[in-house]
Structure formats: C-alpha cells, structure tokens
C-alpha atoms as a PDB file:
ATOM      1  CA  MET A   1     -28.496 -15.432   9.484  1.00  0.00           C
ATOM      2  CA  ALA A   2     -27.076 -16.331   6.082  1.00  0.00           C
ATOM      3  CA  TYR A   3     -23.940 -14.652   4.798  1.00  0.00           C
ATOM      4  CA  THR A   4     -24.610 -13.349   1.291  1.00  0.00           C
ATOM      5  CA  SER A   5     -22.201 -12.987  -1.594  1.00  0.00           C
ATOM      6  CA  ALA A   6     -22.792  -9.228  -1.519  1.00  0.00           C
ATOM      7  CA  GLU A   7     -21.766  -9.080   2.156  1.00  0.00           C
ATOM      8  CA  ALA A   8     -18.686 -11.181   1.446  1.00  0.00           C
ATOM      9  CA  ARG A   9     -17.710  -8.939  -1.469  1.00  0.00           C
ATOM     10  CA  GLN A  10     -18.162  -5.877   0.721  1.00  0.00           C
ATOM     11  CA  GLU A  11     -15.911  -7.472   3.338  1.00  0.00           C
ATOM     12  CA  LEU A  12     -13.267  -8.057   0.653  1.00  0.00           C
ATOM     13  CA  LEU A  13     -13.534  -4.411  -0.398  1.00  0.00           C
ATOM     14  CA  ASP A  14     -13.176  -3.272   3.209  1.00  0.00           C
ATOM     15  CA  MET A  15     -10.098  -5.441   3.708  1.00  0.00           C
ATOM     16  CA  LEU A  16      -8.576  -4.057   0.509  1.00  0.00           C
ATOM     17  CA  ALA A  17      -9.411  -0.505   1.631  1.00  0.00           C
ATOM     18  CA  GLY A  18      -7.468  -1.069   4.853  1.00  0.00           C
ATOM     19  CA  ALA A  19      -4.395  -2.109   2.876  1.00  0.00           C
ATOM     20  CA  ILE A  20      -4.781   0.909   0.586  1.00  0.00           C
ATOM     21  CA  GLU A  21      -4.865   3.233   3.594  1.00  0.00           C
ATOM     22  CA  GLU A  22      -1.602   1.715   4.852  1.00  0.00           C
ATOM     23  CA  ILE A  23       0.010   2.231   1.443  1.00  0.00           C
ATOM     24  CA  GLY A  24      -1.198   5.850   1.547  1.00  0.00           C
ATOM     25  CA  LEU A  25       0.484   6.294   4.923  1.00  0.00           C
ATOM     26  CA  ALA A  26       3.707   4.903   3.487  1.00  0.00           C
ATOM     27  CA  LEU A  27       3.523   7.400   0.631  1.00  0.00           C
ATOM     28  CA  ALA A  28       3.037  10.303   3.034  1.00  0.00           C
ATOM     29  CA  ASP A  29       6.024   9.209   5.110  1.00  0.00           C
ATOM     30  CA  LEU A  30       8.217   8.725   2.049  1.00  0.00           C
ATOM     31  CA  GLY A  31       7.216  12.166   0.807  1.00  0.00           C
ATOM     32  CA  ALA A  32       8.189  13.666   4.160  1.00  0.00           C
ATOM     33  CA  ALA A  33      11.528  11.818   4.098  1.00  0.00           C
ATOM     34  CA  TYR A  34      12.161  13.090   0.569  1.00  0.00           C
ATOM     35  CA  GLU A  35      11.858  16.681   1.792  1.00  0.00           C
ATOM     36  CA  GLN A  36      14.591  16.108   4.379  1.00  0.00           C
ATOM     37  CA  LEU A  37      17.177  14.504   2.104  1.00  0.00           C
ATOM     38  CA  ASP A  38      19.856  15.967  -0.092  1.00  0.00           C
ATOM     39  CA  GLU A  39      19.179  15.858  -3.833  1.00  0.00           C
ATOM     40  CA  ARG A  40      21.112  12.656  -4.540  1.00  0.00           C
ATOM     41  CA  ASN A  41      19.482  10.658  -1.759  1.00  0.00           C
ATOM     42  CA  ALA A  42      16.061  12.187  -2.455  1.00  0.00           C
ATOM     43  CA  ASP A  43      16.311  11.066  -6.078  1.00  0.00           C
ATOM     44  CA  ARG A  44      17.311   7.597  -4.939  1.00  0.00           C
ATOM     45  CA  LEU A  45      14.409   7.446  -2.471  1.00  0.00           C
ATOM     46  CA  GLU A  46      12.017   8.527  -5.212  1.00  0.00           C
ATOM     47  CA  GLU A  47      13.260   5.909  -7.663  1.00  0.00           C
ATOM     48  CA  GLU A  48      13.683   2.955  -5.304  1.00  0.00           C
ATOM     49  CA  LEU A  49      10.914   3.485  -2.759  1.00  0.00           C
ATOM     50  CA  PHE A  50       8.408   6.202  -3.546  1.00  0.00           C
ATOM     51  CA  GLY A  51       7.906   5.222  -7.203  1.00  0.00           C
ATOM     52  CA  PRO A  52       7.060   1.550  -6.606  1.00  0.00           C
ATOM     53  CA  VAL A  53       4.852   2.386  -3.599  1.00  0.00           C
ATOM     54  CA  GLN A  54       3.049   5.067  -5.598  1.00  0.00           C
ATOM     55  CA  VAL A  55       2.398   2.623  -8.450  1.00  0.00           C
ATOM     56  CA  ALA A  56       1.157   0.022  -5.932  1.00  0.00           C
ATOM     57  CA  TYR A  57      -1.159   2.631  -4.386  1.00  0.00           C
ATOM     58  CA  GLY A  58      -2.632   3.557  -7.745  1.00  0.00           C
ATOM     59  CA  ARG A  59      -3.041  -0.078  -8.768  1.00  0.00           C
ATOM     60  CA  ALA A  60      -4.703  -0.976  -5.471  1.00  0.00           C
ATOM     61  CA  LYS A  61      -7.118   1.967  -5.707  1.00  0.00           C
ATOM     62  CA  ARG A  62      -8.016   1.031  -9.287  1.00  0.00           C
ATOM     63  CA  THR A  63      -8.526  -2.583  -8.209  1.00  0.00           C
ATOM     64  CA  HIS A  64     -10.852  -1.450  -5.432  1.00  0.00           C
ATOM     65  CA  ALA A  65     -12.899   0.727  -7.793  1.00  0.00           C
ATOM     66  CA  ASP A  66     -13.047  -1.925 -10.535  1.00  0.00           C
ATOM     67  CA  PHE A  67     -14.119  -4.703  -8.156  1.00  0.00           C
ATOM     68  CA  ALA A  68     -16.786  -2.460  -6.619  1.00  0.00           C
ATOM     69  CA  ARG A  69     -18.099  -1.502 -10.047  1.00  0.00           C
ATOM     70  CA  ARG A  70     -18.174  -5.115 -11.299  1.00  0.00           C
ATOM     71  CA  HIS A  71     -20.280  -6.135  -8.322  1.00  0.00           C
ATOM     72  CA  GLY A  72     -22.463  -3.051  -7.887  1.00  0.00           C
ATOM     73  CA  LEU A  73     -20.860  -1.921  -4.635  1.00  0.00           C
ATOM     74  CA  ALA A  74     -19.806   1.540  -3.522  1.00  0.00           C
ATOM     75  CA  SER A  75     -16.137   2.333  -3.973  1.00  0.00           C
ATOM     76  CA  ALA A  76     -14.327   4.169  -1.181  1.00  0.00           C
ATOM     77  CA  ALA A  77     -12.852   7.617  -1.593  1.00  0.00           C
ATOM     78  CA  PHE A  78      -9.287   7.544  -0.367  1.00  0.00           C
ATOM     79  CA  GLU A  79      -7.904  10.696   1.223  1.00  0.00           C
ATOM     80  CA  GLY A  80      -4.240  11.565   1.198  1.00  0.00           C
ATOM     81  CA  ALA A  81      -2.557  10.694   4.472  1.00  0.00           C
ATOM     82  CA  ALA A  82      -0.455  13.117   6.492  1.00  0.00           C
ATOM     83  CA  ALA A  83       3.048  12.354   7.683  1.00  0.00           C
ATOM     84  CA  GLY A  84       4.217  12.987  11.215  1.00  0.00           C
ATOM     85  CA  LEU A  85       6.238  15.854  12.588  1.00  0.00           C
ATOM     86  CA  PRO A  86       9.402  16.946  10.753  1.00  0.00           C
ATOM     87  CA  SER A  87      11.399  16.066  13.867  1.00  0.00           C
ATOM     88  CA  THR A  88      10.729  12.416  13.007  1.00  0.00           C
ATOM     89  CA  GLY A  89      13.639  12.774  10.589  1.00  0.00           C
ATOM     90  CA  ALA A  90      14.286  11.005   7.302  1.00  0.00           C
ATOM     91  CA  HIS A  91      15.258   7.724   8.999  1.00  0.00           C
ATOM     92  CA  GLY A  92      12.114   7.771  11.122  1.00  0.00           C
ATOM     93  CA  PHE A  93       9.875   8.529   8.160  1.00  0.00           C
ATOM     94  CA  ILE A  94      11.441   5.730   6.144  1.00  0.00           C
ATOM     95  CA  ASP A  95      11.024   3.332   9.083  1.00  0.00           C
ATOM     96  CA  ASN A  96       7.365   4.344   9.388  1.00  0.00           C
ATOM     97  CA  ALA A  97       6.858   3.798   5.655  1.00  0.00           C
ATOM     98  CA  VAL A  98       8.412   0.337   5.853  1.00  0.00           C
ATOM     99  CA  ARG A  99       6.071  -0.545   8.734  1.00  0.00           C
ATOM    100  CA  SER A 100       3.049   0.690   6.779  1.00  0.00           C
ATOM    101  CA  VAL A 101       4.108  -1.296   3.711  1.00  0.00           C
ATOM    102  CA  ALA A 102       4.512  -4.394   5.886  1.00  0.00           C
ATOM    103  CA  GLN A 103       1.027  -3.844   7.338  1.00  0.00           C
ATOM    104  CA  ALA A 104      -0.426  -3.441   3.837  1.00  0.00           C
ATOM    105  CA  ASP A 105       1.378  -6.517   2.568  1.00  0.00           C
ATOM    106  CA  GLY A 106       0.149  -8.537   5.541  1.00  0.00           C
ATOM    107  CA  ALA A 107      -3.429  -7.446   4.884  1.00  0.00           C
ATOM    108  CA  LEU A 108      -3.103  -8.261   1.185  1.00  0.00           C
ATOM    109  CA  SER A 109      -1.597 -11.647   2.011  1.00  0.00           C
ATOM    110  CA  GLY A 110      -4.503 -12.353   4.324  1.00  0.00           C
ATOM    111  CA  LEU A 111      -6.875 -11.298   1.592  1.00  0.00           C
ATOM    112  CA  GLN A 112      -5.191 -13.625  -0.903  1.00  0.00           C
ATOM    113  CA  ASP A 113      -5.393 -16.519   1.555  1.00  0.00           C
ATOM    114  CA  SER A 114      -8.942 -15.744   2.617  1.00  0.00           C
ATOM    115  CA  PRO A 115     -11.643 -18.213   1.657  1.00  0.00           C
ATOM    116  CA  LEU A 116     -13.689 -15.159   0.713  1.00  0.00           C
ATOM    117  CA  ALA A 117     -11.343 -14.362  -2.152  1.00  0.00           C
ATOM    118  CA  ALA A 118     -11.823 -17.851  -3.540  1.00  0.00           C
ATOM    119  CA  GLU A 119     -15.573 -17.906  -2.973  1.00  0.00           C
ATOM    120  CA  VAL A 120     -16.688 -14.449  -4.100  1.00  0.00           C
ATOM    121  CA  GLY A 121     -13.590 -12.821  -5.523  1.00  0.00           C
ATOM    122  CA  ASP A 122     -12.644 -12.976  -9.141  1.00  0.00           C
ATOM    123  CA  VAL A 123      -9.616 -13.559 -11.319  1.00  0.00           C
ATOM    124  CA  GLU A 124      -8.998  -9.832 -11.829  1.00  0.00           C
ATOM    125  CA  LEU A 125      -9.019  -9.174  -8.089  1.00  0.00           C
ATOM    126  CA  ARG A 126      -6.573 -11.964  -7.308  1.00  0.00           C
ATOM    127  CA  ALA A 127      -4.230 -10.932 -10.141  1.00  0.00           C
ATOM    128  CA  ALA A 128      -4.251  -7.303  -9.027  1.00  0.00           C
ATOM    129  CA  ILE A 129      -3.541  -8.197  -5.393  1.00  0.00           C
ATOM    130  CA  ARG A 130      -0.601 -10.302  -6.535  1.00  0.00           C
ATOM    131  CA  GLU A 131       0.687  -7.381  -8.638  1.00  0.00           C
ATOM    132  CA  VAL A 132       0.405  -4.905  -5.758  1.00  0.00           C
ATOM    133  CA  ARG A 133       2.245  -7.281  -3.452  1.00  0.00           C
ATOM    134  CA  GLU A 134       5.019  -7.669  -6.020  1.00  0.00           C
ATOM    135  CA  LEU A 135       5.391  -3.884  -6.230  1.00  0.00           C
ATOM    136  CA  LEU A 136       5.679  -3.671  -2.445  1.00  0.00           C
ATOM    137  CA  GLY A 137       7.907  -6.734  -2.166  1.00  0.00           C
ATOM    138  CA  GLY A 138      11.374  -5.231  -2.058  1.00  0.00           C
ATOM    139  CA  VAL A 139      10.621  -2.045  -0.142  1.00  0.00           C
ATOM    140  CA  ARG A 140      12.140  -3.172   3.164  1.00  0.00           C
ATOM    141  CA  GLN A 141      15.437  -4.245   1.599  1.00  0.00           C
ATOM    142  CA  ARG A 142      15.733  -1.143  -0.588  1.00  0.00           C
ATOM    143  CA  ALA A 143      14.915   1.085   2.393  1.00  0.00           C
ATOM    144  CA  GLN A 144      17.597  -0.561   4.498  1.00  0.00           C
ATOM    145  CA  ALA A 145      20.150  -0.127   1.712  1.00  0.00           C
ATOM    146  CA  LEU A 146      19.250   3.547   1.358  1.00  0.00           C
ATOM    147  CA  GLN A 147      19.368   4.169   5.095  1.00  0.00           C
ATOM    148  CA  ARG A 148      22.861   2.652   5.352  1.00  0.00           C
ATOM    149  CA  THR A 149      24.169   5.417   3.076  1.00  0.00           C
ATOM    150  CA  LEU A 150      22.337   8.390   4.601  1.00  0.00           C
ATOM    151  CA  GLY A 151      24.571  10.886   6.321  1.00  0.00           C
ATOM    152  CA  ARG A 152      27.738   9.682   4.613  1.00  0.00           C
END
C-alpha cells in the first residue's frame, strides 16, 4: 500500500499534537507551582518559566492549525491539562514541568529530523518548530536556578 502525502502530513500533525500536549502539561504544572510560591518566587517563575512555555504553547498550537489549514487537514482541539495533587509541592511541579518540556522538545527534535518533514512539510512548519524549540530551550537551566533559591 502506498503512503500518500496526505497521510504523511497527518502523521506530522499527530506528532506535533503530541508535543503540544506535553507543553500543555508543563503549563499546568507551572501554574500549580505558582500557586504554592511566595509572591517574589511566583513572579520569577512566571517570568522565567511560565511565560516562555506559554508563548511556545501558543506558537505550537498556531503552527498546528496553520499547517492543517494549508493542507486541508483537520486541526486538533487542545484541552487544558490538569496538574497533579497539591501535595506534589512546588519543587515537584517544577520537576514535572521540566520533564514535560524535555518530552516536547524531544518530539519536536524528532519531527525536525524526520524525513517526513523534509518530504511533505513546508518552510513555515520547519521555522515554527525551530522557534518553539528555542522558546523551550533554557527551561531546564532556569528551573534549576529557581529551585536552588526556593525556601531560602
């Protein structure tokens, strides 16, 4: 059975959707961590972690919708994710967010390196994936720096 361009594009969309879901999980965990921090640390978390992840989430969702529209495919509806139990604590939520960002970045990296992206993707898709990855790029380091100062 032949593999069509439409099927390949749908596979790209599905791979991108998986990364978007991981970014959504990171946002939920960062939001939960925010609620457990004092004002100074919450503001820092919002500026250094939540803001860039939120921008990456929006950019990735727009990329998904734009690619689907350009190629006549259905765009996914992304639901807000729920964070874990409050007993996870701010550190735990931040750790979970970092893991989700790493999962999303790994999926996006795989998408960038995929032969599908070269064969049936387009310039806009590749540029947007690169932009999302750049937004997510420093999350681990910034999270570690923030966590070192929590509780002091």
